Amino acid sequence: MIIYIMVTHWRTHWKGIERTYYTSNVIYFSLKEIQEGVTTIFVKRNERNKEIEHILKGTISGIEIQGKEGKEVIHFNVNIEREISIDEFKREFFYIKIPEESGWYKYEIIPVKLCPPFFRDLKETTSDEEFEDKVYLLLKLLGITTIHKYPRKRQAGLPDGIFKINNLAVIYDATLFSDIRSKKEQQIENYINMLKSDRINIRGKKEEVWEISRFFKEVWIITNELKSEEYREISGIKVKIVSIDSLINLYIKRLQEIDREEELVEFLRKIEIL
């Protein structure tokens, strides 16, 4: 099951609105996936300071898509059931962080009994160390068992960790920085050079060498602030910004749909679209 979260700074929304629209450039999933009747959280943020002013719960209906491809305007009816508090939202959807930017977002609903409590910490922590540690746990939850986490004491110039699964090798860096492009460029170059060597020396509980010459290779900058996207590609090595939301979506998909390692790897390689 899914929910929509619709965020806006428009002064007139959402109370008293019967029909409105979003343009396709602020809809963060495929237009083909838009459905009526989906539980929708309508969020109004302050235009200046982005503070949440109110949250409403309801559905949408009467969807009409107009305009040319890439410049579509999606009109819909707003059906409000009731207003909810921020605390109520957090209790029901504690693994979801309400986006700051205006837009139409889609999230998978996790059955509470299948949702690890530390997901809440991942979404809310302001501690770099806690974020790094819990990203490592989340990657292991996804079914990645061949993974090495670099000790924090010896981490200067090194990534947070590296993992391999089937024919995929990934160096990852977990960061709370939202300004990745200016603060991570040199480190990204270092990580790419590590993957270019085709052999990675792992000094963990035991020393070993990972031979990755025939692997697909990627660098992941894992963050809680940005949406997932392919950032660049250098020498066949893809650099991706990976949001926690994408990893949590893959966790749900693994529980509900994925039965084989090959399927898991396929989704890991297209993590930016989850």
C-alpha atoms as a PDB file:
ATOM      1  CA  MET A   1       0.000   0.000   0.000  1.00  0.00           C
ATOM      2  CA  ILE A   2       1.034   3.589  -0.565  1.00  0.00           C
ATOM      3  CA  ILE A   3       0.271   7.072   0.684  1.00  0.00           C
ATOM      4  CA  TYR A   4       0.713  10.445  -0.963  1.00  0.00           C
ATOM      5  CA  ILE A   5       2.163  13.466   0.800  1.00  0.00           C
ATOM      6  CA  MET A   6       1.361  16.787  -0.847  1.00  0.00           C
ATOM      7  CA  VAL A   7       3.357  19.748   0.417  1.00  0.00           C
ATOM      8  CA  THR A   8       2.694  23.366  -0.523  1.00  0.00           C
ATOM      9  CA  HIS A   9       3.605  26.876   0.582  1.00  0.00           C
ATOM     10  CA  TRP A  10       0.578  28.426  -1.125  1.00  0.00           C
ATOM     11  CA  ARG A  11      -1.255  30.629   1.354  1.00  0.00           C
ATOM     12  CA  THR A  12      -4.736  29.370   0.430  1.00  0.00           C
ATOM     13  CA  HIS A  13      -4.060  25.654   0.891  1.00  0.00           C
ATOM     14  CA  TRP A  14      -5.288  23.219   2.076  1.00  0.00           C
ATOM     15  CA  LYS A  15      -8.272  24.226   4.172  1.00  0.00           C
ATOM     16  CA  GLY A  16     -11.346  25.113   2.134  1.00  0.00           C
ATOM     17  CA  ILE A  17      -9.840  23.976  -1.171  1.00  0.00           C
ATOM     18  CA  GLU A  18     -12.038  21.718  -3.318  1.00  0.00           C
ATOM     19  CA  ARG A  19      -9.901  21.424  -6.440  1.00  0.00           C
ATOM     20  CA  THR A  20      -6.292  22.310  -7.253  1.00  0.00           C
ATOM     21  CA  TYR A  21      -3.302  21.108  -9.303  1.00  0.00           C
ATOM     22  CA  TYR A  22       0.391  20.230  -9.391  1.00  0.00           C
ATOM     23  CA  THR A  23       2.741  20.600 -12.329  1.00  0.00           C
ATOM     24  CA  SER A  24       4.717  17.537 -13.380  1.00  0.00           C
ATOM     25  CA  ASN A  25       8.102  19.041 -12.420  1.00  0.00           C
ATOM     26  CA  VAL A  26       7.187  18.812  -8.710  1.00  0.00           C
ATOM     27  CA  ILE A  27       5.715  15.295  -8.828  1.00  0.00           C
ATOM     28  CA  TYR A  28       8.425  12.939  -7.604  1.00  0.00           C
ATOM     29  CA  PHE A  29       7.238   9.683  -9.133  1.00  0.00           C
ATOM     30  CA  SER A  30       5.898   8.517 -12.495  1.00  0.00           C
ATOM     31  CA  LEU A  31       2.637  10.126 -13.624  1.00  0.00           C
ATOM     32  CA  LYS A  32       1.543   6.658 -14.751  1.00  0.00           C
ATOM     33  CA  GLU A  33       1.392   5.634 -11.078  1.00  0.00           C
ATOM     34  CA  ILE A  34      -1.093   8.334 -10.014  1.00  0.00           C
ATOM     35  CA  GLN A  35      -4.260   6.807  -8.533  1.00  0.00           C
ATOM     36  CA  GLU A  36      -7.499   8.075  -7.046  1.00  0.00           C
ATOM     37  CA  GLY A  37      -8.592   7.098  -3.564  1.00  0.00           C
ATOM     38  CA  VAL A  38      -5.072   6.834  -2.121  1.00  0.00           C
ATOM     39  CA  THR A  39      -4.713   8.044   1.474  1.00  0.00           C
ATOM     40  CA  THR A  40      -3.224  11.520   1.138  1.00  0.00           C
ATOM     41  CA  ILE A  41      -1.525  13.756   3.688  1.00  0.00           C
ATOM     42  CA  PHE A  42      -1.925  17.434   2.797  1.00  0.00           C
ATOM     43  CA  VAL A  43       0.801  19.578   4.391  1.00  0.00           C
ATOM     44  CA  LYS A  44       0.824  23.373   4.473  1.00  0.00           C
ATOM     45  CA  ARG A  45       4.204  24.957   5.243  1.00  0.00           C
ATOM     46  CA  ASN A  46       4.846  28.609   5.965  1.00  0.00           C
ATOM     47  CA  GLU A  47       5.988  30.450   2.862  1.00  0.00           C
ATOM     48  CA  ARG A  48       8.899  32.186   4.618  1.00  0.00           C
ATOM     49  CA  ASN A  49      10.262  29.873   7.311  1.00  0.00           C
ATOM     50  CA  LYS A  50       8.861  26.542   6.014  1.00  0.00           C
ATOM     51  CA  GLU A  51       7.375  25.653   9.408  1.00  0.00           C
ATOM     52  CA  ILE A  52       4.393  23.302   9.242  1.00  0.00           C
ATOM     53  CA  GLU A  53       1.142  25.226   9.738  1.00  0.00           C
ATOM     54  CA  HIS A  54      -1.318  22.359   9.453  1.00  0.00           C
ATOM     55  CA  ILE A  55      -1.646  18.751   8.298  1.00  0.00           C
ATOM     56  CA  LEU A  56      -4.843  17.317   6.833  1.00  0.00           C
ATOM     57  CA  LYS A  57      -5.705  13.749   5.948  1.00  0.00           C
ATOM     58  CA  GLY A  58      -7.951  12.659   3.109  1.00  0.00           C
ATOM     59  CA  THR A  59      -7.912  11.464  -0.506  1.00  0.00           C
ATOM     60  CA  ILE A  60      -7.889  12.843  -4.039  1.00  0.00           C
ATOM     61  CA  SER A  61     -10.280  12.187  -6.936  1.00  0.00           C
ATOM     62  CA  GLY A  62     -11.328  13.569 -10.304  1.00  0.00           C
ATOM     63  CA  ILE A  63      -7.808  13.432 -11.734  1.00  0.00           C
ATOM     64  CA  GLU A  64      -7.247  15.174 -15.071  1.00  0.00           C
ATOM     65  CA  ILE A  65      -3.880  15.409 -16.808  1.00  0.00           C
ATOM     66  CA  GLN A  66      -3.440  18.237 -19.288  1.00  0.00           C
ATOM     67  CA  GLY A  67      -0.528  19.606 -21.316  1.00  0.00           C
ATOM     68  CA  LYS A  68       2.401  18.214 -23.294  1.00  0.00           C
ATOM     69  CA  GLU A  69       4.743  15.505 -22.044  1.00  0.00           C
ATOM     70  CA  GLY A  70       7.186  16.971 -19.548  1.00  0.00           C
ATOM     71  CA  LYS A  71       4.979  19.994 -18.938  1.00  0.00           C
ATOM     72  CA  GLU A  72       1.810  18.315 -17.696  1.00  0.00           C
ATOM     73  CA  VAL A  73      -0.583  19.905 -15.244  1.00  0.00           C
ATOM     74  CA  ILE A  74      -2.440  17.430 -13.011  1.00  0.00           C
ATOM     75  CA  HIS A  75      -5.774  18.694 -11.670  1.00  0.00           C
ATOM     76  CA  PHE A  76      -7.599  16.852  -8.861  1.00  0.00           C
ATOM     77  CA  ASN A  77     -10.296  17.169  -6.208  1.00  0.00           C
ATOM     78  CA  VAL A  78      -9.203  17.559  -2.584  1.00  0.00           C
ATOM     79  CA  ASN A  79     -11.300  15.418  -0.221  1.00  0.00           C
ATOM     80  CA  ILE A  80     -10.476  16.287   3.391  1.00  0.00           C
ATOM     81  CA  GLU A  81     -11.466  13.873   6.153  1.00  0.00           C
ATOM     82  CA  ARG A  82      -9.911  15.620   9.148  1.00  0.00           C
ATOM     83  CA  GLU A  83      -6.990  17.617  10.465  1.00  0.00           C
ATOM     84  CA  ILE A  84      -4.253  15.703  12.278  1.00  0.00           C
ATOM     85  CA  SER A  85      -1.443  16.855  14.549  1.00  0.00           C
ATOM     86  CA  ILE A  86       2.265  16.489  13.823  1.00  0.00           C
ATOM     87  CA  ASP A  87       2.499  14.051  16.739  1.00  0.00           C
ATOM     88  CA  GLU A  88      -0.299  11.914  15.282  1.00  0.00           C
ATOM     89  CA  PHE A  89       1.478  11.846  11.918  1.00  0.00           C
ATOM     90  CA  LYS A  90       4.726  10.774  13.583  1.00  0.00           C
ATOM     91  CA  ARG A  91       3.013   7.992  15.505  1.00  0.00           C
ATOM     92  CA  GLU A  92       1.469   6.519  12.370  1.00  0.00           C
ATOM     93  CA  PHE A  93       4.238   7.218   9.851  1.00  0.00           C
ATOM     94  CA  PHE A  94       7.342   7.619  12.015  1.00  0.00           C
ATOM     95  CA  TYR A  95       9.635   6.314   9.254  1.00  0.00           C
ATOM     96  CA  ILE A  96       8.620   9.202   6.954  1.00  0.00           C
ATOM     97  CA  LYS A  97      10.135  12.658   7.180  1.00  0.00           C
ATOM     98  CA  ILE A  98       7.796  15.280   5.740  1.00  0.00           C
ATOM     99  CA  PRO A  99       9.635  17.007   2.858  1.00  0.00           C
ATOM    100  CA  GLU A 100      10.395  20.710   3.187  1.00  0.00           C
ATOM    101  CA  GLU A 101       9.970  21.515  -0.488  1.00  0.00           C
ATOM    102  CA  SER A 102       6.617  21.825  -2.226  1.00  0.00           C
ATOM    103  CA  GLY A 103       5.680  18.763  -4.232  1.00  0.00           C
ATOM    104  CA  TRP A 104       3.704  15.561  -4.555  1.00  0.00           C
ATOM    105  CA  TYR A 105       5.473  12.584  -2.997  1.00  0.00           C
ATOM    106  CA  LYS A 106       4.664   8.879  -2.820  1.00  0.00           C
ATOM    107  CA  TYR A 107       5.644   6.545   0.033  1.00  0.00           C
ATOM    108  CA  GLU A 108       5.194   2.855   0.700  1.00  0.00           C
ATOM    109  CA  ILE A 109       3.382   2.044   3.933  1.00  0.00           C
ATOM    110  CA  ILE A 110       5.286  -0.282   6.234  1.00  0.00           C
ATOM    111  CA  PRO A 111       3.229  -2.513   8.536  1.00  0.00           C
ATOM    112  CA  VAL A 112       4.276  -1.321  11.999  1.00  0.00           C
ATOM    113  CA  LYS A 113       5.051  -4.846  13.202  1.00  0.00           C
ATOM    114  CA  LEU A 114       7.619  -5.171  10.379  1.00  0.00           C
ATOM    115  CA  CYS A 115       9.212  -1.760  10.896  1.00  0.00           C
ATOM    116  CA  PRO A 116      12.435  -1.684  12.947  1.00  0.00           C
ATOM    117  CA  PRO A 117      12.261   1.047  15.629  1.00  0.00           C
ATOM    118  CA  PHE A 118      15.600   2.518  14.558  1.00  0.00           C
ATOM    119  CA  PHE A 119      13.989   3.769  11.325  1.00  0.00           C
ATOM    120  CA  ARG A 120      12.614   6.631  13.404  1.00  0.00           C
ATOM    121  CA  ASP A 121      16.133   7.475  14.602  1.00  0.00           C
ATOM    122  CA  LEU A 122      17.431   7.426  11.033  1.00  0.00           C
ATOM    123  CA  LYS A 123      14.832   9.985   9.985  1.00  0.00           C
ATOM    124  CA  GLU A 124      15.234  12.283  12.985  1.00  0.00           C
ATOM    125  CA  THR A 125      18.857  12.102  14.143  1.00  0.00           C
ATOM    126  CA  THR A 126      21.159  15.099  13.919  1.00  0.00           C
ATOM    127  CA  SER A 127      24.191  13.022  14.928  1.00  0.00           C
ATOM    128  CA  ASP A 128      26.569  12.083  12.110  1.00  0.00           C
ATOM    129  CA  GLU A 129      27.835   9.082  14.086  1.00  0.00           C
ATOM    130  CA  GLU A 130      24.348   7.722  14.802  1.00  0.00           C
ATOM    131  CA  PHE A 131      23.315   8.222  11.180  1.00  0.00           C
ATOM    132  CA  GLU A 132      26.409   6.394   9.943  1.00  0.00           C
ATOM    133  CA  ASP A 133      25.891   3.456  12.329  1.00  0.00           C
ATOM    134  CA  LYS A 134      22.233   3.017  11.488  1.00  0.00           C
ATOM    135  CA  VAL A 135      22.811   3.255   7.728  1.00  0.00           C
ATOM    136  CA  TYR A 136      25.147   0.284   8.163  1.00  0.00           C
ATOM    137  CA  LEU A 137      22.382  -1.635   9.967  1.00  0.00           C
ATOM    138  CA  LEU A 138      19.847  -0.749   7.275  1.00  0.00           C
ATOM    139  CA  LEU A 139      22.140  -2.010   4.518  1.00  0.00           C
ATOM    140  CA  LYS A 140      22.496  -5.308   6.355  1.00  0.00           C
ATOM    141  CA  LEU A 141      18.718  -5.487   6.766  1.00  0.00           C
ATOM    142  CA  LEU A 142      18.382  -5.250   2.999  1.00  0.00           C
ATOM    143  CA  GLY A 143      20.180  -8.586   2.704  1.00  0.00           C
ATOM    144  CA  ILE A 144      23.720  -7.305   2.119  1.00  0.00           C
ATOM    145  CA  THR A 145      25.968  -9.601   4.125  1.00  0.00           C
ATOM    146  CA  THR A 146      29.374  -8.982   2.548  1.00  0.00           C
ATOM    147  CA  ILE A 147      29.926  -5.502   3.912  1.00  0.00           C
ATOM    148  CA  HIS A 148      32.832  -3.764   5.615  1.00  0.00           C
ATOM    149  CA  LYS A 149      32.431  -0.711   7.851  1.00  0.00           C
ATOM    150  CA  TYR A 150      35.594   1.316   8.233  1.00  0.00           C
ATOM    151  CA  PRO A 151      36.487   2.086  11.876  1.00  0.00           C
ATOM    152  CA  ARG A 152      35.678   5.689  12.707  1.00  0.00           C
ATOM    153  CA  LYS A 153      39.077   6.236  14.372  1.00  0.00           C
ATOM    154  CA  ARG A 154      40.933   5.393  11.166  1.00  0.00           C
ATOM    155  CA  GLN A 155      38.465   6.910   8.757  1.00  0.00           C
ATOM    156  CA  ALA A 156      40.346   9.991   7.493  1.00  0.00           C
ATOM    157  CA  GLY A 157      40.121   9.938   3.686  1.00  0.00           C
ATOM    158  CA  LEU A 158      38.188   6.667   3.712  1.00  0.00           C
ATOM    159  CA  PRO A 159      34.497   6.062   3.045  1.00  0.00           C
ATOM    160  CA  ASP A 160      32.121   4.881   5.762  1.00  0.00           C
ATOM    161  CA  GLY A 161      31.965   1.449   4.206  1.00  0.00           C
ATOM    162  CA  ILE A 162      32.002  -0.807   1.183  1.00  0.00           C
ATOM    163  CA  PHE A 163      29.837  -3.756   0.229  1.00  0.00           C
ATOM    164  CA  LYS A 164      29.528  -6.278  -2.547  1.00  0.00           C
ATOM    165  CA  ILE A 165      26.655  -8.506  -3.528  1.00  0.00           C
ATOM    166  CA  ASN A 166      26.550 -10.762  -6.556  1.00  0.00           C
ATOM    167  CA  ASN A 167      28.172  -8.641  -9.328  1.00  0.00           C
ATOM    168  CA  LEU A 168      27.783  -5.225  -7.686  1.00  0.00           C
ATOM    169  CA  ALA A 169      30.400  -3.378  -5.600  1.00  0.00           C
ATOM    170  CA  VAL A 170      29.490  -0.147  -3.817  1.00  0.00           C
ATOM    171  CA  ILE A 171      31.531   2.311  -1.775  1.00  0.00           C
ATOM    172  CA  TYR A 172      29.219   4.347   0.416  1.00  0.00           C
ATOM    173  CA  ASP A 173      29.424   7.503   2.497  1.00  0.00           C
ATOM    174  CA  ALA A 174      26.600   8.322   4.942  1.00  0.00           C
ATOM    175  CA  THR A 175      26.247  12.040   5.558  1.00  0.00           C
ATOM    176  CA  LEU A 176      23.760  14.521   6.961  1.00  0.00           C
ATOM    177  CA  PHE A 177      25.164  17.248   4.696  1.00  0.00           C
ATOM    178  CA  SER A 178      22.641  18.560   2.199  1.00  0.00           C
ATOM    179  CA  ASP A 179      25.307  20.561   0.348  1.00  0.00           C
ATOM    180  CA  ILE A 180      27.003  17.445  -0.996  1.00  0.00           C
ATOM    181  CA  ARG A 181      28.260  18.957  -4.218  1.00  0.00           C
ATOM    182  CA  SER A 182      30.628  21.383  -2.494  1.00  0.00           C
ATOM    183  CA  LYS A 183      31.618  19.293   0.519  1.00  0.00           C
ATOM    184  CA  LYS A 184      32.093  15.810  -0.950  1.00  0.00           C
ATOM    185  CA  GLU A 185      33.761  16.355  -4.331  1.00  0.00           C
ATOM    186  CA  GLN A 186      37.293  15.413  -3.268  1.00  0.00           C
ATOM    187  CA  GLN A 187      36.086  12.382  -1.346  1.00  0.00           C
ATOM    188  CA  ILE A 188      34.008  11.220  -4.316  1.00  0.00           C
ATOM    189  CA  GLU A 189      37.130  11.350  -6.492  1.00  0.00           C
ATOM    190  CA  ASN A 190      38.996   9.288  -3.884  1.00  0.00           C
ATOM    191  CA  TYR A 191      36.246   6.665  -3.831  1.00  0.00           C
ATOM    192  CA  ILE A 192      36.211   6.419  -7.626  1.00  0.00           C
ATOM    193  CA  ASN A 193      39.958   5.869  -7.629  1.00  0.00           C
ATOM    194  CA  MET A 194      39.550   3.105  -5.049  1.00  0.00           C
ATOM    195  CA  LEU A 195      37.081   1.316  -7.327  1.00  0.00           C
ATOM    196  CA  LYS A 196      39.251   1.816 -10.419  1.00  0.00           C
ATOM    197  CA  SER A 197      41.960  -0.371  -8.905  1.00  0.00           C
ATOM    198  CA  ASP A 198      39.833  -3.544  -9.333  1.00  0.00           C
ATOM    199  CA  ARG A 199      41.223  -4.882  -6.034  1.00  0.00           C
ATOM    200  CA  ILE A 200      40.175  -3.570  -2.625  1.00  0.00           C
ATOM    201  CA  ASN A 201      42.222  -4.405   0.459  1.00  0.00           C
ATOM    202  CA  ILE A 202      39.919  -4.982   3.409  1.00  0.00           C
ATOM    203  CA  ARG A 203      41.473  -4.751   6.864  1.00  0.00           C
ATOM    204  CA  GLY A 204      38.726  -5.826   9.226  1.00  0.00           C
ATOM    205  CA  LYS A 205      38.540  -8.756  11.628  1.00  0.00           C
ATOM    206  CA  LYS A 206      40.704 -10.474   9.078  1.00  0.00           C
ATOM    207  CA  GLU A 207      42.610  -9.088   6.118  1.00  0.00           C
ATOM    208  CA  GLU A 208      41.283  -9.985   2.703  1.00  0.00           C
ATOM    209  CA  VAL A 209      41.323  -8.733  -0.866  1.00  0.00           C
ATOM    210  CA  TRP A 210      38.123  -8.198  -2.829  1.00  0.00           C
ATOM    211  CA  GLU A 211      38.569  -8.799  -6.540  1.00  0.00           C
ATOM    212  CA  ILE A 212      36.019  -6.572  -8.283  1.00  0.00           C
ATOM    213  CA  SER A 213      37.379  -6.280 -11.832  1.00  0.00           C
ATOM    214  CA  ARG A 214      34.220  -7.725 -13.411  1.00  0.00           C
ATOM    215  CA  PHE A 215      31.751  -6.030 -11.079  1.00  0.00           C
ATOM    216  CA  PHE A 216      29.391  -3.156 -11.685  1.00  0.00           C
ATOM    217  CA  LYS A 217      30.829  -0.364  -9.534  1.00  0.00           C
ATOM    218  CA  GLU A 218      29.035   2.497  -7.823  1.00  0.00           C
ATOM    219  CA  VAL A 219      29.643   5.227  -5.251  1.00  0.00           C
ATOM    220  CA  TRP A 220      26.692   6.056  -2.997  1.00  0.00           C
ATOM    221  CA  ILE A 221      26.368   9.249  -0.975  1.00  0.00           C
ATOM    222  CA  ILE A 222      23.594   8.272   1.451  1.00  0.00           C
ATOM    223  CA  THR A 223      21.655  11.167   2.918  1.00  0.00           C
ATOM    224  CA  ASN A 224      18.477  12.021   4.768  1.00  0.00           C
ATOM    225  CA  GLU A 225      17.926  15.374   3.060  1.00  0.00           C
ATOM    226  CA  LEU A 226      17.997  14.924  -0.710  1.00  0.00           C
ATOM    227  CA  LYS A 227      16.026  12.812  -3.145  1.00  0.00           C
ATOM    228  CA  SER A 228      17.820   9.960  -4.889  1.00  0.00           C
ATOM    229  CA  GLU A 229      19.400  10.596  -8.248  1.00  0.00           C
ATOM    230  CA  GLU A 230      22.287   9.539 -10.430  1.00  0.00           C
ATOM    231  CA  TYR A 231      24.786  12.341  -9.872  1.00  0.00           C
ATOM    232  CA  ARG A 232      27.405  11.528 -12.485  1.00  0.00           C
ATOM    233  CA  GLU A 233      29.343   8.716 -14.162  1.00  0.00           C
ATOM    234  CA  ILE A 234      33.138   8.600 -14.420  1.00  0.00           C
ATOM    235  CA  SER A 235      35.080   5.795 -16.118  1.00  0.00           C
ATOM    236  CA  GLY A 236      32.005   3.576 -16.001  1.00  0.00           C
ATOM    237  CA  ILE A 237      31.582   4.116 -12.251  1.00  0.00           C
ATOM    238  CA  LYS A 238      28.217   5.603 -11.305  1.00  0.00           C
ATOM    239  CA  VAL A 239      27.993   8.119  -8.483  1.00  0.00           C
ATOM    240  CA  LYS A 240      24.560   8.287  -6.869  1.00  0.00           C
ATOM    241  CA  ILE A 241      22.872  10.324  -4.202  1.00  0.00           C
ATOM    242  CA  VAL A 242      20.767   7.798  -2.288  1.00  0.00           C
ATOM    243  CA  SER A 243      18.067   8.909   0.113  1.00  0.00           C
ATOM    244  CA  ILE A 244      17.087   6.972   3.211  1.00  0.00           C
ATOM    245  CA  ASP A 245      13.563   6.891   1.757  1.00  0.00           C
ATOM    246  CA  SER A 246      14.817   4.855  -1.210  1.00  0.00           C
ATOM    247  CA  LEU A 247      16.553   2.362   1.082  1.00  0.00           C
ATOM    248  CA  ILE A 248      13.447   1.998   3.245  1.00  0.00           C
ATOM    249  CA  ASN A 249      11.330   1.501   0.114  1.00  0.00           C
ATOM    250  CA  LEU A 250      13.700  -1.277  -0.931  1.00  0.00           C
ATOM    251  CA  TYR A 251      13.396  -2.842   2.539  1.00  0.00           C
ATOM    252  CA  ILE A 252       9.614  -2.994   2.055  1.00  0.00           C
ATOM    253  CA  LYS A 253       9.982  -4.353  -1.465  1.00  0.00           C
ATOM    254  CA  ARG A 254      12.372  -7.030  -0.218  1.00  0.00           C
ATOM    255  CA  LEU A 255       9.843  -8.194   2.373  1.00  0.00           C
ATOM    256  CA  GLN A 256       6.904  -8.184  -0.030  1.00  0.00           C
ATOM    257  CA  GLU A 257       8.292  -9.011  -3.475  1.00  0.00           C
ATOM    258  CA  ILE A 258      11.956 -10.010  -3.660  1.00  0.00           C
ATOM    259  CA  ASP A 259      12.808 -13.689  -3.310  1.00  0.00           C
ATOM    260  CA  ARG A 260      16.190 -14.018  -5.046  1.00  0.00           C
ATOM    261  CA  GLU A 261      19.548 -12.292  -4.703  1.00  0.00           C
ATOM    262  CA  GLU A 262      19.562 -11.494  -8.428  1.00  0.00           C
ATOM    263  CA  GLU A 263      16.314  -9.537  -8.009  1.00  0.00           C
ATOM    264  CA  LEU A 264      17.730  -7.638  -5.036  1.00  0.00           C
ATOM    265  CA  VAL A 265      20.806  -6.641  -7.044  1.00  0.00           C
ATOM    266  CA  GLU A 266      18.604  -5.373  -9.885  1.00  0.00           C
ATOM    267  CA  PHE A 267      16.829  -3.035  -7.459  1.00  0.00           C
ATOM    268  CA  LEU A 268      20.086  -1.954  -5.825  1.00  0.00           C
ATOM    269  CA  ARG A 269      21.387  -0.946  -9.239  1.00  0.00           C
ATOM    270  CA  LYS A 270      18.318   1.220  -9.852  1.00  0.00           C
ATOM    271  CA  ILE A 271      17.966   2.468  -6.280  1.00  0.00           C
ATOM    272  CA  GLU A 272      17.583   6.072  -7.474  1.00  0.00           C
ATOM    273  CA  ILE A 273      14.096   5.356  -8.867  1.00  0.00           C
ATOM    274  CA  LEU A 274      12.682   3.758  -5.688  1.00  0.00           C
END
